[in-house]
Amino acid sequence: MASETEDVITQLRRAIEEGRKRLEDQERALVVLESMLPKRVTSNPIGVNLISSVDDGGIIDLAEIEIDSPRGKRRTLVDDVRDLVKRFGGQEFTVAHTEKVLNNRGIEIPGKLPRSRISIVLGKLEEEGVIVKTFTGGGNVPNRYRLNAHPQSSIRAAPVPPPPIPRIPEAPRMPQKDESPSATNTEASV
């Protein structure tokens, strides 16, 4: 009887292992198929949440409708790059690194030249003091950036105007050969 029980246990373990393998294969296939589908927007396109806002006569009560601001929830490329740059930590990175990670995260960059758009965003972040350019490239050599270890305040101070140039008083003129000293003194006193 002990050997029969051991046989049953062995068969059960094999069946469980085969079931696990089948499940893993199905999960991998599901991931591949889901990655092929276009991303769908799950929110209401006009941003209206209807919660019992229709009465018995089919009239919509506008007082009960909450309208979400579509601009408030919409993320921009600047927001995505800003979040990404913070995750790079103290490592140096380039536009190519940023593009690769954005693509891996499923963030599509609109336009024909995605690296150019990323470069513009990195320039804005550099102006804001979020990142620092550690190396200025040229030609095939890319610029390198790093997260600013000491970010400045988000409120920028107004530029300080240069100090005024002091006026230098005119020195009295020296008399010329054809002028008399008395004529020069009267001009200087005027």
Protein backbone atom coordinates (compact mmCIF):
# COMPACT_ATOMS: atom_id res chain seq x y z
CA MET A 1 0.00 0.00 0.00
CA ALA A 2 2.89 2.39 0.70
CA SER A 3 4.24 1.93 -2.82
CA GLU A 4 0.80 2.63 -4.31
CA THR A 5 0.58 5.85 -2.30
CA GLU A 6 4.07 6.84 -3.42
CA ASP A 7 3.08 6.18 -7.05
CA VAL A 8 -0.01 8.39 -6.66
CA ILE A 9 2.10 11.16 -5.08
CA THR A 10 4.63 10.92 -7.93
CA GLN A 11 1.85 11.08 -10.54
CA LEU A 12 0.29 14.07 -8.78
CA ARG A 13 3.64 15.89 -8.71
CA ARG A 14 4.16 15.24 -12.43
CA ALA A 15 0.65 16.50 -13.22
CA ILE A 16 1.23 19.62 -11.13
CA GLU A 17 4.59 20.27 -12.83
CA GLU A 18 3.03 19.82 -16.28
CA GLY A 19 0.21 22.15 -15.28
CA ARG A 20 2.76 24.76 -14.13
CA LYS A 21 4.64 24.55 -17.41
CA ARG A 22 1.40 24.91 -19.39
CA LEU A 23 0.37 27.88 -17.25
CA GLU A 24 3.78 29.56 -17.72
CA ASP A 25 3.54 29.04 -21.50
CA GLN A 26 0.04 30.53 -21.52
CA GLU A 27 1.17 33.51 -19.44
CA ARG A 28 4.06 34.19 -21.85
CA ALA A 29 1.72 33.95 -24.83
CA LEU A 30 -0.68 36.36 -23.12
CA VAL A 31 2.09 38.90 -22.52
CA VAL A 32 3.14 38.72 -26.18
CA LEU A 33 -0.41 39.14 -27.42
CA GLU A 34 -1.11 42.03 -25.04
CA SER A 35 2.03 43.81 -26.21
CA MET A 36 0.76 43.60 -29.80
CA LEU A 37 -2.51 45.38 -28.98
CA PRO A 38 -2.68 49.18 -29.24
CA LYS A 39 -2.91 50.94 -25.92
CA ARG A 40 -6.47 51.90 -25.08
CA VAL A 41 -7.64 54.90 -23.15
CA THR A 42 -9.77 53.69 -20.27
CA SER A 43 -11.03 57.07 -19.11
CA ASN A 44 -14.06 58.85 -20.48
CA PRO A 45 -12.86 60.97 -23.43
CA ILE A 46 -14.72 64.09 -22.33
CA GLY A 47 -13.90 63.54 -18.67
CA VAL A 48 -17.46 63.18 -17.37
CA ASN A 49 -18.28 60.81 -14.51
CA LEU A 50 -21.98 59.97 -14.53
CA ILE A 51 -23.15 58.84 -11.09
CA SER A 52 -26.90 58.49 -10.96
CA SER A 53 -27.20 61.76 -12.83
CA VAL A 54 -30.14 60.60 -14.95
CA ASP A 55 -33.61 60.98 -13.40
CA ASP A 56 -36.72 58.92 -14.18
CA GLY A 57 -37.57 61.04 -17.20
CA GLY A 58 -34.11 60.52 -18.77
CA ILE A 59 -33.02 64.09 -17.96
CA ILE A 60 -29.38 64.47 -16.93
CA ASP A 61 -28.92 66.56 -13.78
CA LEU A 62 -25.83 68.67 -14.47
CA ALA A 63 -25.42 69.54 -10.80
CA GLU A 64 -24.50 65.91 -10.04
CA ILE A 65 -21.94 65.55 -12.83
CA GLU A 66 -18.30 65.87 -11.85
CA ILE A 67 -16.15 67.17 -14.68
CA ASP A 68 -12.50 66.22 -14.52
CA SER A 69 -10.05 68.61 -16.06
CA PRO A 70 -8.42 66.77 -18.97
CA ARG A 71 -5.37 69.03 -18.71
CA GLY A 72 -4.87 68.23 -15.05
CA LYS A 73 -4.39 64.52 -15.65
CA ARG A 74 -2.62 64.64 -18.97
CA ARG A 75 1.09 63.95 -18.80
CA THR A 76 3.52 65.63 -21.11
CA LEU A 77 6.87 64.53 -22.43
CA VAL A 78 8.50 67.01 -20.05
CA ASP A 79 6.78 65.31 -17.08
CA ASP A 80 7.86 61.86 -18.26
CA VAL A 81 11.48 62.91 -18.83
CA ARG A 82 11.60 64.77 -15.50
CA ASP A 83 10.44 61.64 -13.64
CA LEU A 84 12.85 59.48 -15.59
CA VAL A 85 15.84 61.74 -14.94
CA LYS A 86 15.19 61.54 -11.20
CA ARG A 87 15.38 57.74 -11.46
CA PHE A 88 18.81 57.94 -13.12
CA GLY A 89 20.16 59.25 -9.81
CA GLY A 90 23.76 60.43 -9.98
CA GLN A 91 24.61 58.57 -13.19
CA GLU A 92 25.56 60.41 -16.35
CA PHE A 93 23.13 59.93 -19.23
CA THR A 94 22.60 61.02 -22.82
CA VAL A 95 19.62 61.63 -25.07
CA ALA A 96 20.00 58.07 -26.39
CA HIS A 97 19.76 56.61 -22.86
CA THR A 98 16.65 58.67 -22.20
CA GLU A 99 15.02 57.59 -25.47
CA LYS A 100 15.74 53.91 -24.83
CA VAL A 101 14.25 53.95 -21.33
CA LEU A 102 11.18 55.91 -22.46
CA ASN A 103 10.59 53.36 -25.23
CA ASN A 104 11.06 50.46 -22.79
CA ARG A 105 8.45 52.01 -20.49
CA GLY A 106 6.01 52.24 -23.43
CA ILE A 107 6.07 56.03 -23.68
CA GLU A 108 5.73 57.07 -27.30
CA ILE A 109 7.47 60.25 -28.39
CA PRO A 110 5.41 62.13 -30.97
CA GLY A 111 6.98 63.61 -34.07
CA LYS A 112 9.53 62.56 -36.65
CA LEU A 113 12.66 63.29 -34.60
CA PRO A 114 12.22 61.87 -31.09
CA ARG A 115 15.82 62.50 -30.03
CA SER A 116 15.52 66.14 -31.00
CA ARG A 117 12.40 66.50 -28.87
CA ILE A 118 14.13 64.80 -25.94
CA SER A 119 17.11 67.11 -26.38
CA ILE A 120 14.83 70.15 -26.20
CA VAL A 121 13.21 68.80 -23.02
CA LEU A 122 16.63 68.15 -21.45
CA GLY A 123 17.61 71.73 -22.31
CA LYS A 124 14.50 73.00 -20.48
CA LEU A 125 15.30 70.84 -17.47
CA GLU A 126 18.84 72.19 -17.50
CA GLU A 127 17.50 75.76 -17.52
CA GLU A 128 15.24 74.89 -14.58
CA GLY A 129 18.24 73.54 -12.67
CA VAL A 130 16.92 69.97 -12.47
CA ILE A 131 19.91 68.57 -14.40
CA VAL A 132 23.42 69.73 -15.20
CA LYS A 133 25.27 69.30 -18.49
CA THR A 134 28.49 67.49 -17.56
CA PHE A 135 29.93 67.31 -21.06
CA THR A 136 29.20 69.34 -24.17
CA GLY A 137 29.40 67.12 -27.19
CA GLY A 138 29.68 67.95 -30.83
CA GLY A 139 29.16 66.07 -34.09
CA ASN A 140 28.70 62.39 -33.26
CA VAL A 141 29.64 62.89 -29.61
CA PRO A 142 26.51 63.44 -27.49
CA ASN A 143 26.02 65.84 -24.62
CA ARG A 144 26.05 64.16 -21.22
CA TYR A 145 23.85 65.15 -18.32
CA ARG A 146 23.51 64.34 -14.64
CA LEU A 147 20.85 65.02 -12.03
CA ASN A 148 21.69 68.24 -10.20
CA ALA A 149 22.82 67.31 -6.69
CA HIS A 150 21.95 70.79 -5.41
CA PRO A 151 18.81 71.87 -7.28
CA GLN A 152 17.98 75.54 -7.14
CA SER A 153 14.69 76.88 -5.95
CA SER A 154 11.92 76.60 -8.51
CA ILE A 155 11.36 80.35 -8.12
CA ARG A 156 13.97 82.21 -10.06
CA ALA A 157 15.31 85.51 -8.85
CA ALA A 158 15.15 88.46 -11.18
CA PRO A 159 18.49 89.24 -12.82
CA VAL A 160 20.50 91.83 -10.98
CA PRO A 161 21.08 94.93 -13.12
CA PRO A 162 24.69 96.09 -13.50
CA PRO A 163 25.76 98.98 -11.27
CA PRO A 164 25.46 102.45 -12.83
CA ILE A 165 28.56 103.85 -14.49
CA PRO A 166 29.82 106.85 -12.49
CA ARG A 167 30.12 110.15 -14.36
CA ILE A 168 33.56 111.57 -14.51
CA PRO A 169 33.59 115.38 -14.24
CA GLU A 170 35.23 117.18 -17.13
CA ALA A 171 38.70 118.43 -16.45
CA PRO A 172 39.44 122.08 -17.19
CA ARG A 173 40.80 122.57 -20.66
CA MET A 174 44.37 123.55 -21.18
CA PRO A 175 44.83 126.83 -23.04
CA GLN A 176 45.79 126.49 -26.67
CA LYS A 177 48.59 128.54 -28.21
CA ASP A 178 46.27 131.03 -29.87
CA GLU A 179 43.99 131.44 -26.79
CA SER A 180 44.65 133.68 -23.86
CA PRO A 181 44.52 132.26 -20.30
CA SER A 182 41.63 134.54 -19.35
CA ALA A 183 39.38 133.11 -22.15
CA THR A 184 40.02 129.56 -20.94
CA ASN A 185 39.13 130.40 -17.35
CA THR A 186 35.83 132.00 -18.34
CA GLU A 187 34.85 128.91 -20.38
CA ALA A 188 35.72 126.63 -17.50
CA SER A 189 33.69 128.65 -15.02
CA VAL A 190 30.57 128.52 -17.21
